[in-house]
Amino acid sequence: MKLPEPEILDKVERALNSVDVWLRGFISDEALLGVIAHLVGIKEVPWTIASHHLHHGSTPGRATKLLVAAAHYQFAKGLVREFGRPEFRRYQLKYALSMVRNAGSIVRF
């Protein structure tokens, strides 16, 4: 197996840097590794499939899902800008819908 091209790493880094600094911590290392693996053609990555990033409770519980969704939406938006691939557009849509769903969980009428 060869290493990813520096251009791929640069683009993923730019996409990550496009995420608000206060939200970057909600994107797990496994997500970044999974994106890079996908871009170099690796189709099966067991640690991204079987892992779940647990947050340590430093944010209010109901806000966490919304913040995670916002972080992933911004990251996906950056990936779309850098790569323009349809799978990253689906990733962006998934988290846009998650933000809408989870926004309702923190707003009480």
PDB file of N, CA and C in Angstrom:
ATOM      1  N   MET A   1       0.851  -1.184   0.000  1.00  0.00           N
ATOM      2  CA  MET A   1       0.000   0.000   0.000  1.00  0.00           C
ATOM      3  C   MET A   1       0.889   1.236   0.000  1.00  0.00           C
ATOM      4  N   LYS A   2       0.528   2.205  -0.835  1.00  0.00           N
ATOM      5  CA  LYS A   2       1.318   3.423  -0.887  1.00  0.00           C
ATOM      6  C   LYS A   2       0.641   4.518  -0.060  1.00  0.00           C
ATOM      7  N   LEU A   3       1.400   5.524   0.260  1.00  0.00           N
ATOM      8  CA  LEU A   3       0.886   6.654   1.036  1.00  0.00           C
ATOM      9  C   LEU A   3       0.002   7.541   0.162  1.00  0.00           C
ATOM     10  N   PRO A   4      -0.931   8.276   0.783  1.00  0.00           N
ATOM     11  CA  PRO A   4      -1.763   9.201  -0.003  1.00  0.00           C
ATOM     12  C   PRO A   4      -0.906  10.304  -0.617  1.00  0.00           C
ATOM     13  N   GLU A   5      -1.349  10.774  -1.750  1.00  0.00           N
ATOM     14  CA  GLU A   5      -0.676  11.903  -2.406  1.00  0.00           C
ATOM     15  C   GLU A   5      -0.750  13.131  -1.502  1.00  0.00           C
ATOM     16  N   PRO A   6       0.308  13.936  -1.462  1.00  0.00           N
ATOM     17  CA  PRO A   6       0.283  15.156  -0.637  1.00  0.00           C
ATOM     18  C   PRO A   6      -0.893  16.084  -0.975  1.00  0.00           C
ATOM     19  N   GLU A   7      -1.320  16.095  -2.241  1.00  0.00           N
ATOM     20  CA  GLU A   7      -2.443  16.937  -2.649  1.00  0.00           C
ATOM     21  C   GLU A   7      -3.734  16.528  -1.922  1.00  0.00           C
ATOM     22  N   ILE A   8      -3.936  15.228  -1.747  1.00  0.00           N
ATOM     23  CA  ILE A   8      -5.123  14.737  -1.028  1.00  0.00           C
ATOM     24  C   ILE A   8      -5.076  15.214   0.419  1.00  0.00           C
ATOM     25  N   LEU A   9      -3.929  15.054   1.048  1.00  0.00           N
ATOM     26  CA  LEU A   9      -3.791  15.478   2.445  1.00  0.00           C
ATOM     27  C   LEU A   9      -3.989  16.989   2.588  1.00  0.00           C
ATOM     28  N   ASP A  10      -3.458  17.747   1.623  1.00  0.00           N
ATOM     29  CA  ASP A  10      -3.623  19.210   1.665  1.00  0.00           C
ATOM     30  C   ASP A  10      -5.091  19.607   1.550  1.00  0.00           C
ATOM     31  N   LYS A  11      -5.818  18.934   0.658  1.00  0.00           N
ATOM     32  CA  LYS A  11      -7.235  19.248   0.473  1.00  0.00           C
ATOM     33  C   LYS A  11      -8.058  18.872   1.701  1.00  0.00           C
ATOM     34  N   VAL A  12      -7.770  17.716   2.304  1.00  0.00           N
ATOM     35  CA  VAL A  12      -8.483  17.311   3.518  1.00  0.00           C
ATOM     36  C   VAL A  12      -8.164  18.295   4.647  1.00  0.00           C
ATOM     37  N   GLU A  13      -6.918  18.725   4.720  1.00  0.00           N
ATOM     38  CA  GLU A  13      -6.540  19.703   5.743  1.00  0.00           C
ATOM     39  C   GLU A  13      -7.281  21.025   5.539  1.00  0.00           C
ATOM     40  N   ARG A  14      -7.385  21.474   4.291  1.00  0.00           N
ATOM     41  CA  ARG A  14      -8.127  22.721   4.018  1.00  0.00           C
ATOM     42  C   ARG A  14      -9.605  22.562   4.384  1.00  0.00           C
ATOM     43  N   ALA A  15     -10.172  21.390   4.085  1.00  0.00           N
ATOM     44  CA  ALA A  15     -11.572  21.143   4.439  1.00  0.00           C
ATOM     45  C   ALA A  15     -11.751  21.178   5.953  1.00  0.00           C
ATOM     46  N   LEU A  16     -10.822  20.565   6.688  1.00  0.00           N
ATOM     47  CA  LEU A  16     -10.901  20.589   8.151  1.00  0.00           C
ATOM     48  C   LEU A  16     -10.713  22.007   8.691  1.00  0.00           C
ATOM     49  N   ASN A  17      -9.803  22.750   8.104  1.00  0.00           N
ATOM     50  CA  ASN A  17      -9.574  24.126   8.550  1.00  0.00           C
ATOM     51  C   ASN A  17     -10.750  25.050   8.251  1.00  0.00           C
ATOM     52  N   SER A  18     -11.644  24.614   7.365  1.00  0.00           N
ATOM     53  CA  SER A  18     -12.831  25.423   7.066  1.00  0.00           C
ATOM     54  C   SER A  18     -13.903  25.276   8.153  1.00  0.00           C
ATOM     55  N   VAL A  19     -13.724  24.309   9.040  1.00  0.00           N
ATOM     56  CA  VAL A  19     -14.658  24.098  10.156  1.00  0.00           C
ATOM     57  C   VAL A  19     -14.340  25.119  11.246  1.00  0.00           C
ATOM     58  N   ASP A  20     -15.376  25.711  11.799  1.00  0.00           N
ATOM     59  CA  ASP A  20     -15.195  26.672  12.883  1.00  0.00           C
ATOM     60  C   ASP A  20     -14.313  26.065  13.969  1.00  0.00           C
ATOM     61  N   VAL A  21     -13.377  26.845  14.462  1.00  0.00           N
ATOM     62  CA  VAL A  21     -12.405  26.347  15.438  1.00  0.00           C
ATOM     63  C   VAL A  21     -13.081  25.779  16.685  1.00  0.00           C
ATOM     64  N   TRP A  22     -14.237  26.302  17.062  1.00  0.00           N
ATOM     65  CA  TRP A  22     -14.956  25.828  18.250  1.00  0.00           C
ATOM     66  C   TRP A  22     -15.646  24.496  18.009  1.00  0.00           C
ATOM     67  N   LEU A  23     -15.783  24.112  16.737  1.00  0.00           N
ATOM     68  CA  LEU A  23     -16.464  22.862  16.402  1.00  0.00           C
ATOM     69  C   LEU A  23     -15.520  21.746  15.974  1.00  0.00           C
ATOM     70  N   ARG A  24     -14.282  22.064  15.647  1.00  0.00           N
ATOM     71  CA  ARG A  24     -13.348  21.061  15.124  1.00  0.00           C
ATOM     72  C   ARG A  24     -13.178  19.857  16.041  1.00  0.00           C
ATOM     73  N   GLY A  25     -13.222  20.069  17.335  1.00  0.00           N
ATOM     74  CA  GLY A  25     -13.041  18.972  18.278  1.00  0.00           C
ATOM     75  C   GLY A  25     -14.133  17.920  18.209  1.00  0.00           C
ATOM     76  N   PHE A  26     -15.248  18.240  17.557  1.00  0.00           N
ATOM     77  CA  PHE A  26     -16.342  17.282  17.423  1.00  0.00           C
ATOM     78  C   PHE A  26     -16.151  16.339  16.232  1.00  0.00           C
ATOM     79  N   ILE A  27     -15.093  16.543  15.458  1.00  0.00           N
ATOM     80  CA  ILE A  27     -14.790  15.645  14.351  1.00  0.00           C
ATOM     81  C   ILE A  27     -13.702  14.694  14.826  1.00  0.00           C
ATOM     82  N   SER A  28     -14.029  13.429  14.868  1.00  0.00           N
ATOM     83  CA  SER A  28     -13.094  12.440  15.414  1.00  0.00           C
ATOM     84  C   SER A  28     -11.943  12.171  14.447  1.00  0.00           C
ATOM     85  N   ASP A  29     -10.850  11.709  15.011  1.00  0.00           N
ATOM     86  CA  ASP A  29      -9.696  11.312  14.201  1.00  0.00           C
ATOM     87  C   ASP A  29     -10.092  10.216  13.218  1.00  0.00           C
ATOM     88  N   GLU A  30     -10.983   9.318  13.660  1.00  0.00           N
ATOM     89  CA  GLU A  30     -11.419   8.221  12.803  1.00  0.00           C
ATOM     90  C   GLU A  30     -12.144   8.729  11.559  1.00  0.00           C
ATOM     91  N   ALA A  31     -12.868   9.828  11.694  1.00  0.00           N
ATOM     92  CA  ALA A  31     -13.557  10.393  10.527  1.00  0.00           C
ATOM     93  C   ALA A  31     -12.543  10.872   9.497  1.00  0.00           C
ATOM     94  N   LEU A  32     -11.506  11.551   9.956  1.00  0.00           N
ATOM     95  CA  LEU A  32     -10.467  12.031   9.031  1.00  0.00           C
ATOM     96  C   LEU A  32      -9.744  10.860   8.369  1.00  0.00           C
ATOM     97  N   LEU A  33      -9.400   9.852   9.157  1.00  0.00           N
ATOM     98  CA  LEU A  33      -8.725   8.681   8.594  1.00  0.00           C
ATOM     99  C   LEU A  33      -9.621   7.961   7.594  1.00  0.00           C
ATOM    100  N   GLY A  34     -10.908   7.890   7.900  1.00  0.00           N
ATOM    101  CA  GLY A  34     -11.847   7.244   6.985  1.00  0.00           C
ATOM    102  C   GLY A  34     -11.965   7.983   5.667  1.00  0.00           C
ATOM    103  N   VAL A  35     -11.997   9.309   5.715  1.00  0.00           N
ATOM    104  CA  VAL A  35     -12.072  10.113   4.483  1.00  0.00           C
ATOM    105  C   VAL A  35     -10.812   9.899   3.650  1.00  0.00           C
ATOM    106  N   ILE A  36      -9.657   9.949   4.294  1.00  0.00           N
ATOM    107  CA  ILE A  36      -8.400   9.751   3.565  1.00  0.00           C
ATOM    108  C   ILE A  36      -8.345   8.343   2.977  1.00  0.00           C
ATOM    109  N   ALA A  37      -8.721   7.340   3.756  1.00  0.00           N
ATOM    110  CA  ALA A  37      -8.730   5.960   3.254  1.00  0.00           C
ATOM    111  C   ALA A  37      -9.656   5.837   2.046  1.00  0.00           C
ATOM    112  N   HIS A  38     -10.828   6.441   2.128  1.00  0.00           N
ATOM    113  CA  HIS A  38     -11.784   6.407   1.014  1.00  0.00           C
ATOM    114  C   HIS A  38     -11.175   7.043  -0.239  1.00  0.00           C
ATOM    115  N   LEU A  39     -10.509   8.165  -0.054  1.00  0.00           N
ATOM    116  CA  LEU A  39      -9.943   8.885  -1.196  1.00  0.00           C
ATOM    117  C   LEU A  39      -8.792   8.142  -1.870  1.00  0.00           C
ATOM    118  N   VAL A  40      -8.106   7.263  -1.140  1.00  0.00           N
ATOM    119  CA  VAL A  40      -7.023   6.496  -1.758  1.00  0.00           C
ATOM    120  C   VAL A  40      -7.498   5.117  -2.210  1.00  0.00           C
ATOM    121  N   GLY A  41      -8.814   4.862  -2.091  1.00  0.00           N
ATOM    122  CA  GLY A  41      -9.378   3.640  -2.645  1.00  0.00           C
ATOM    123  C   GLY A  41      -9.556   2.488  -1.678  1.00  0.00           C
ATOM    124  N   ILE A  42      -9.327   2.707  -0.400  1.00  0.00           N
ATOM    125  CA  ILE A  42      -9.549   1.651   0.578  1.00  0.00           C
ATOM    126  C   ILE A  42     -11.045   1.605   0.864  1.00  0.00           C
ATOM    127  N   LYS A  43     -11.649   0.458   0.638  1.00  0.00           N
ATOM    128  CA  LYS A  43     -13.104   0.340   0.767  1.00  0.00           C
ATOM    129  C   LYS A  43     -13.552  -0.175   2.126  1.00  0.00           C
ATOM    130  N   GLU A  44     -12.726  -0.935   2.805  1.00  0.00           N
ATOM    131  CA  GLU A  44     -13.109  -1.471   4.111  1.00  0.00           C
ATOM    132  C   GLU A  44     -12.112  -1.000   5.158  1.00  0.00           C
ATOM    133  N   VAL A  45     -12.627  -0.283   6.137  1.00  0.00           N
ATOM    134  CA  VAL A  45     -11.794   0.239   7.218  1.00  0.00           C
ATOM    135  C   VAL A  45     -12.504  -0.096   8.519  1.00  0.00           C
ATOM    136  N   PRO A  46     -12.183  -1.234   9.138  1.00  0.00           N
ATOM    137  CA  PRO A  46     -12.949  -1.713  10.285  1.00  0.00           C
ATOM    138  C   PRO A  46     -13.019  -0.737  11.451  1.00  0.00           C
ATOM    139  N   TRP A  47     -11.980   0.046  11.707  1.00  0.00           N
ATOM    140  CA  TRP A  47     -12.051   0.911  12.876  1.00  0.00           C
ATOM    141  C   TRP A  47     -12.983   2.094  12.682  1.00  0.00           C
ATOM    142  N   THR A  48     -13.285   2.470  11.444  1.00  0.00           N
ATOM    143  CA  THR A  48     -14.266   3.546  11.268  1.00  0.00           C
ATOM    144  C   THR A  48     -15.688   2.991  11.300  1.00  0.00           C
ATOM    145  N   ILE A  49     -15.858   1.756  10.880  1.00  0.00           N
ATOM    146  CA  ILE A  49     -17.174   1.142  10.889  1.00  0.00           C
ATOM    147  C   ILE A  49     -17.577   0.784  12.315  1.00  0.00           C
ATOM    148  N   ALA A  50     -16.648   0.255  13.084  1.00  0.00           N
ATOM    149  CA  ALA A  50     -16.968  -0.286  14.398  1.00  0.00           C
ATOM    150  C   ALA A  50     -16.742   0.693  15.545  1.00  0.00           C
ATOM    151  N   SER A  51     -16.321   1.904  15.239  1.00  0.00           N
ATOM    152  CA  SER A  51     -16.014   2.825  16.337  1.00  0.00           C
ATOM    153  C   SER A  51     -17.132   3.837  16.546  1.00  0.00           C
ATOM    154  N   HIS A  52     -17.157   4.361  17.733  1.00  0.00           N
ATOM    155  CA  HIS A  52     -18.094   5.430  18.079  1.00  0.00           C
ATOM    156  C   HIS A  52     -17.338   6.393  18.982  1.00  0.00           C
ATOM    157  N   HIS A  53     -17.294   7.638  18.583  1.00  0.00           N
ATOM    158  CA  HIS A  53     -16.535   8.627  19.339  1.00  0.00           C
ATOM    159  C   HIS A  53     -17.378   9.093  20.527  1.00  0.00           C
ATOM    160  N   LEU A  54     -16.920   8.831  21.713  1.00  0.00           N
ATOM    161  CA  LEU A  54     -17.634   9.246  22.913  1.00  0.00           C
ATOM    162  C   LEU A  54     -17.117  10.598  23.385  1.00  0.00           C
ATOM    163  N   HIS A  55     -18.031  11.505  23.621  1.00  0.00           N
ATOM    164  CA  HIS A  55     -17.649  12.815  24.138  1.00  0.00           C
ATOM    165  C   HIS A  55     -17.626  12.744  25.655  1.00  0.00           C
ATOM    166  N   HIS A  56     -16.766  13.508  26.256  1.00  0.00           N
ATOM    167  CA  HIS A  56     -16.519  13.387  27.689  1.00  0.00           C
ATOM    168  C   HIS A  56     -17.424  14.247  28.558  1.00  0.00           C
ATOM    169  N   GLY A  57     -18.456  14.812  27.983  1.00  0.00           N
ATOM    170  CA  GLY A  57     -19.441  15.518  28.793  1.00  0.00           C
ATOM    171  C   GLY A  57     -19.118  16.973  29.073  1.00  0.00           C
ATOM    172  N   SER A  58     -18.219  17.562  28.313  1.00  0.00           N
ATOM    173  CA  SER A  58     -17.869  18.959  28.562  1.00  0.00           C
ATOM    174  C   SER A  58     -18.880  19.927  27.948  1.00  0.00           C
ATOM    175  N   THR A  59     -19.837  19.398  27.193  1.00  0.00           N
ATOM    176  CA  THR A  59     -20.894  20.237  26.626  1.00  0.00           C
ATOM    177  C   THR A  59     -22.239  19.721  27.119  1.00  0.00           C
ATOM    178  N   PRO A  60     -23.232  20.589  27.144  1.00  0.00           N
ATOM    179  CA  PRO A  60     -24.560  20.140  27.556  1.00  0.00           C
ATOM    180  C   PRO A  60     -25.064  19.021  26.639  1.00  0.00           C
ATOM    181  N   GLY A  61     -25.677  18.006  27.218  1.00  0.00           N
ATOM    182  CA  GLY A  61     -26.083  16.819  26.479  1.00  0.00           C
ATOM    183  C   GLY A  61     -26.920  17.066  25.249  1.00  0.00           C
ATOM    184  N   ARG A  62     -27.929  17.906  25.361  1.00  0.00           N
ATOM    185  CA  ARG A  62     -28.806  18.120  24.214  1.00  0.00           C
ATOM    186  C   ARG A  62     -28.106  18.902  23.105  1.00  0.00           C
ATOM    187  N   ALA A  63     -27.135  19.708  23.455  1.00  0.00           N
ATOM    188  CA  ALA A  63     -26.439  20.502  22.452  1.00  0.00           C
ATOM    189  C   ALA A  63     -25.420  19.672  21.687  1.00  0.00           C
ATOM    190  N   THR A  64     -24.925  18.592  22.286  1.00  0.00           N
ATOM    191  CA  THR A  64     -23.835  17.837  21.683  1.00  0.00           C
ATOM    192  C   THR A  64     -24.181  17.321  20.292  1.00  0.00           C
ATOM    193  N   LYS A  65     -25.338  16.719  20.109  1.00  0.00           N
ATOM    194  CA  LYS A  65     -25.700  16.182  18.796  1.00  0.00           C
ATOM    195  C   LYS A  65     -25.788  17.287  17.748  1.00  0.00           C
ATOM    196  N   LEU A  66     -26.306  18.431  18.130  1.00  0.00           N
ATOM    197  CA  LEU A  66     -26.387  19.555  17.199  1.00  0.00           C
ATOM    198  C   LEU A  66     -24.993  20.061  16.845  1.00  0.00           C
ATOM    199  N   LEU A  67     -24.115  20.151  17.826  1.00  0.00           N
ATOM    200  CA  LEU A  67     -22.752  20.630  17.567  1.00  0.00           C
ATOM    201  C   LEU A  67     -21.966  19.654  16.704  1.00  0.00           C
ATOM    202  N   VAL A  68     -22.122  18.362  16.967  1.00  0.00           N
ATOM    203  CA  VAL A  68     -21.457  17.340  16.143  1.00  0.00           C
ATOM    204  C   VAL A  68     -21.961  17.439  14.707  1.00  0.00           C
ATOM    205  N   ALA A  69     -23.273  17.572  14.544  1.00  0.00           N
ATOM    206  CA  ALA A  69     -23.847  17.683  13.201  1.00  0.00           C
ATOM    207  C   ALA A  69     -23.339  18.933  12.496  1.00  0.00           C
ATOM    208  N   ALA A  70     -23.247  20.048  13.210  1.00  0.00           N
ATOM    209  CA  ALA A  70     -22.747  21.292  12.615  1.00  0.00           C
ATOM    210  C   ALA A  70     -21.292  21.141  12.190  1.00  0.00           C
ATOM    211  N   ALA A  71     -20.486  20.486  13.024  1.00  0.00           N
ATOM    212  CA  ALA A  71     -19.074  20.278  12.685  1.00  0.00           C
ATOM    213  C   ALA A  71     -18.938  19.425  11.430  1.00  0.00           C
ATOM    214  N   HIS A  72     -19.691  18.325  11.368  1.00  0.00           N
ATOM    215  CA  HIS A  72     -19.607  17.441  10.205  1.00  0.00           C
ATOM    216  C   HIS A  72     -20.177  18.112   8.961  1.00  0.00           C
ATOM    217  N   TYR A  73     -21.219  18.912   9.116  1.00  0.00           N
ATOM    218  CA  TYR A  73     -21.767  19.649   7.969  1.00  0.00           C
ATOM    219  C   TYR A  73     -20.700  20.579   7.388  1.00  0.00           C
ATOM    220  N   GLN A  74     -20.015  21.322   8.256  1.00  0.00           N
ATOM    221  CA  GLN A  74     -18.988  22.252   7.784  1.00  0.00           C
ATOM    222  C   GLN A  74     -17.823  21.507   7.141  1.00  0.00           C
ATOM    223  N   PHE A  75     -17.434  20.367   7.732  1.00  0.00           N
ATOM    224  CA  PHE A  75     -16.351  19.563   7.159  1.00  0.00           C
ATOM    225  C   PHE A  75     -16.766  19.026   5.786  1.00  0.00           C
ATOM    226  N   ALA A  76     -17.984  18.497   5.697  1.00  0.00           N
ATOM    227  CA  ALA A  76     -18.476  17.974   4.418  1.00  0.00           C
ATOM    228  C   ALA A  76     -18.539  19.080   3.368  1.00  0.00           C
ATOM    229  N   LYS A  77     -18.958  20.272   3.781  1.00  0.00           N
ATOM    230  CA  LYS A  77     -19.008  21.409   2.855  1.00  0.00           C
ATOM    231  C   LYS A  77     -17.613  21.714   2.315  1.00  0.00           C
ATOM    232  N   GLY A  78     -16.620  21.653   3.203  1.00  0.00           N
ATOM    233  CA  GLY A  78     -15.237  21.861   2.772  1.00  0.00           C
ATOM    234  C   GLY A  78     -14.771  20.764   1.826  1.00  0.00           C
ATOM    235  N   LEU A  79     -15.160  19.507   2.105  1.00  0.00           N
ATOM    236  CA  LEU A  79     -14.794  18.406   1.218  1.00  0.00           C
ATOM    237  C   LEU A  79     -15.439  18.562  -0.156  1.00  0.00           C
ATOM    238  N   VAL A  80     -16.693  19.015  -0.188  1.00  0.00           N
ATOM    239  CA  VAL A  80     -17.368  19.259  -1.469  1.00  0.00           C
ATOM    240  C   VAL A  80     -16.607  20.335  -2.236  1.00  0.00           C
ATOM    241  N   ARG A  81     -16.219  21.395  -1.548  1.00  0.00           N
ATOM    242  CA  ARG A  81     -15.486  22.486  -2.201  1.00  0.00           C
ATOM    243  C   ARG A  81     -14.137  21.985  -2.744  1.00  0.00           C
ATOM    244  N   GLU A  82     -13.457  21.140  -1.990  1.00  0.00           N
ATOM    245  CA  GLU A  82     -12.130  20.672  -2.391  1.00  0.00           C
ATOM    246  C   GLU A  82     -12.170  19.572  -3.450  1.00  0.00           C
ATOM    247  N   PHE A  83     -13.124  18.649  -3.338  1.00  0.00           N
ATOM    248  CA  PHE A  83     -13.136  17.472  -4.204  1.00  0.00           C
ATOM    249  C   PHE A  83     -14.320  17.414  -5.166  1.00  0.00           C
ATOM    250  N   GLY A  84     -15.456  18.021  -4.804  1.00  0.00           N
ATOM    251  CA  GLY A  84     -16.635  18.025  -5.663  1.00  0.00           C
ATOM    252  C   GLY A  84     -17.250  16.656  -5.918  1.00  0.00           C
ATOM    253  N   ARG A  85     -17.009  15.701  -5.043  1.00  0.00           N
ATOM    254  CA  ARG A  85     -17.490  14.337  -5.265  1.00  0.00           C
ATOM    255  C   ARG A  85     -18.896  14.153  -4.693  1.00  0.00           C
ATOM    256  N   PRO A  86     -19.733  13.341  -5.374  1.00  0.00           N
ATOM    257  CA  PRO A  86     -21.121  13.167  -4.937  1.00  0.00           C
ATOM    258  C   PRO A  86     -21.259  12.562  -3.540  1.00  0.00           C
ATOM    259  N   GLU A  87     -20.339  11.691  -3.137  1.00  0.00           N
ATOM    260  CA  GLU A  87     -20.443  11.098  -1.804  1.00  0.00           C
ATOM    261  C   GLU A  87     -20.258  12.141  -0.705  1.00  0.00           C
ATOM    262  N   PHE A  88     -19.500  13.196  -0.991  1.00  0.00           N
ATOM    263  CA  PHE A  88     -19.337  14.260   0.000  1.00  0.00           C
ATOM    264  C   PHE A  88     -20.566  15.170   0.025  1.00  0.00           C
ATOM    265  N   ARG A  89     -21.264  15.268  -1.103  1.00  0.00           N
ATOM    266  CA  ARG A  89     -22.542  16.009  -1.113  1.00  0.00           C
ATOM    267  C   ARG A  89     -23.583  15.270  -0.259  1.00  0.00           C
ATOM    268  N   ARG A  90     -23.589  13.937  -0.333  1.00  0.00           N
ATOM    269  CA  ARG A  90     -24.502  13.137   0.508  1.00  0.00           C
ATOM    270  C   ARG A  90     -24.141  13.283   1.981  1.00  0.00           C
ATOM    271  N   TYR A  91     -22.856  13.283   2.269  1.00  0.00           N
ATOM    272  CA  TYR A  91     -22.366  13.489   3.642  1.00  0.00           C
ATOM    273  C   TYR A  91     -22.863  14.845   4.163  1.00  0.00           C
ATOM    274  N   GLN A  92     -22.774  15.877   3.333  1.00  0.00           N
ATOM    275  CA  GLN A  92     -23.234  17.214   3.718  1.00  0.00           C
ATOM    276  C   GLN A  92     -24.743  17.219   3.945  1.00  0.00           C
ATOM    277  N   LEU A  93     -25.506  16.603   3.064  1.00  0.00           N
ATOM    278  CA  LEU A  93     -26.959  16.546   3.199  1.00  0.00           C
ATOM    279  C   LEU A  93     -27.366  15.804   4.465  1.00  0.00           C
ATOM    280  N   LYS A  94     -26.696  14.680   4.741  1.00  0.00           N
ATOM    281  CA  LYS A  94     -27.011  13.905   5.936  1.00  0.00           C
ATOM    282  C   LYS A  94     -26.890  14.768   7.193  1.00  0.00           C
ATOM    283  N   TYR A  95     -25.836  15.531   7.298  1.00  0.00           N
ATOM    284  CA  TYR A  95     -25.639  16.329   8.499  1.00  0.00           C
ATOM    285  C   TYR A  95     -26.457  17.615   8.490  1.00  0.00           C
ATOM    286  N   ALA A  96     -26.856  18.102   7.319  1.00  0.00           N
ATOM    287  CA  ALA A  96     -27.794  19.227   7.270  1.00  0.00           C
ATOM    288  C   ALA A  96     -29.131  18.779   7.868  1.00  0.00           C
ATOM    289  N   LEU A  97     -29.581  17.577   7.481  1.00  0.00           N
ATOM    290  CA  LEU A  97     -30.827  17.040   8.024  1.00  0.00           C
ATOM    291  C   LEU A  97     -30.698  16.761   9.520  1.00  0.00           C
ATOM    292  N   SER A  98     -29.528  16.290   9.946  1.00  0.00           N
ATOM    293  CA  SER A  98     -29.295  16.030  11.363  1.00  0.00           C
ATOM    294  C   SER A  98     -29.354  17.327  12.171  1.00  0.00           C
ATOM    295  N   MET A  99     -28.824  18.414  11.611  1.00  0.00           N
ATOM    296  CA  MET A  99     -28.885  19.703  12.322  1.00  0.00           C
ATOM    297  C   MET A  99     -30.333  20.139  12.522  1.00  0.00           C
ATOM    298  N   VAL A 100     -31.144  19.978  11.481  1.00  0.00           N
ATOM    299  CA  VAL A 100     -32.554  20.359  11.583  1.00  0.00           C
ATOM    300  C   VAL A 100     -33.240  19.519  12.644  1.00  0.00           C
ATOM    301  N   ARG A 101     -33.012  18.215  12.601  1.00  0.00           N
ATOM    302  CA  ARG A 101     -33.626  17.313  13.582  1.00  0.00           C
ATOM    303  C   ARG A 101     -33.179  17.632  14.998  1.00  0.00           C
ATOM    304  N   ASN A 102     -31.910  17.865  15.198  1.00  0.00           N
ATOM    305  CA  ASN A 102     -31.384  18.076  16.537  1.00  0.00           C
ATOM    306  C   ASN A 102     -31.586  19.501  17.055  1.00  0.00           C
ATOM    307  N   ALA A 103     -31.839  20.448  16.175  1.00  0.00           N
ATOM    308  CA  ALA A 103     -32.140  21.798  16.621  1.00  0.00           C
ATOM    309  C   ALA A 103     -33.432  21.796  17.435  1.00  0.00           C
ATOM    310  N   GLY A 104     -34.372  20.965  17.025  1.00  0.00           N
ATOM    311  CA  GLY A 104     -35.638  20.858  17.754  1.00  0.00           C
ATOM    312  C   GLY A 104     -35.476  20.309  19.149  1.00  0.00           C
ATOM    313  N   SER A 105     -34.409  19.555  19.394  1.00  0.00           N
ATOM    314  CA  SER A 105     -34.221  18.960  20.717  1.00  0.00           C
ATOM    315  C   SER A 105     -33.719  19.957  21.755  1.00  0.00           C
ATOM    316  N   ILE A 106     -33.185  21.097  21.306  1.00  0.00           N
ATOM    317  CA  ILE A 106     -32.706  22.074  22.286  1.00  0.00           C
ATOM    318  C   ILE A 106     -33.629  23.274  22.417  1.00  0.00           C
ATOM    319  N   VAL A 107     -34.589  23.384  21.498  1.00  0.00           N
ATOM    320  CA  VAL A 107     -35.557  24.486  21.551  1.00  0.00           C
ATOM    321  C   VAL A 107     -36.830  23.955  22.188  1.00  0.00           C
ATOM    322  N   ARG A 108     -37.223  24.552  23.276  1.00  0.00           N
ATOM    323  CA  ARG A 108     -38.454  24.113  23.968  1.00  0.00           C
ATOM    324  C   ARG A 108     -39.461  25.258  23.956  1.00  0.00           C
ATOM    325  N   PHE A 109     -40.652  24.904  23.583  1.00  0.00           N
ATOM    326  CA  PHE A 109     -41.724  25.924  23.577  1.00  0.00           C
ATOM    327  C   PHE A 109     -42.658  25.688  24.732  1.00  0.00           C
TER     328      PHE A 109
END
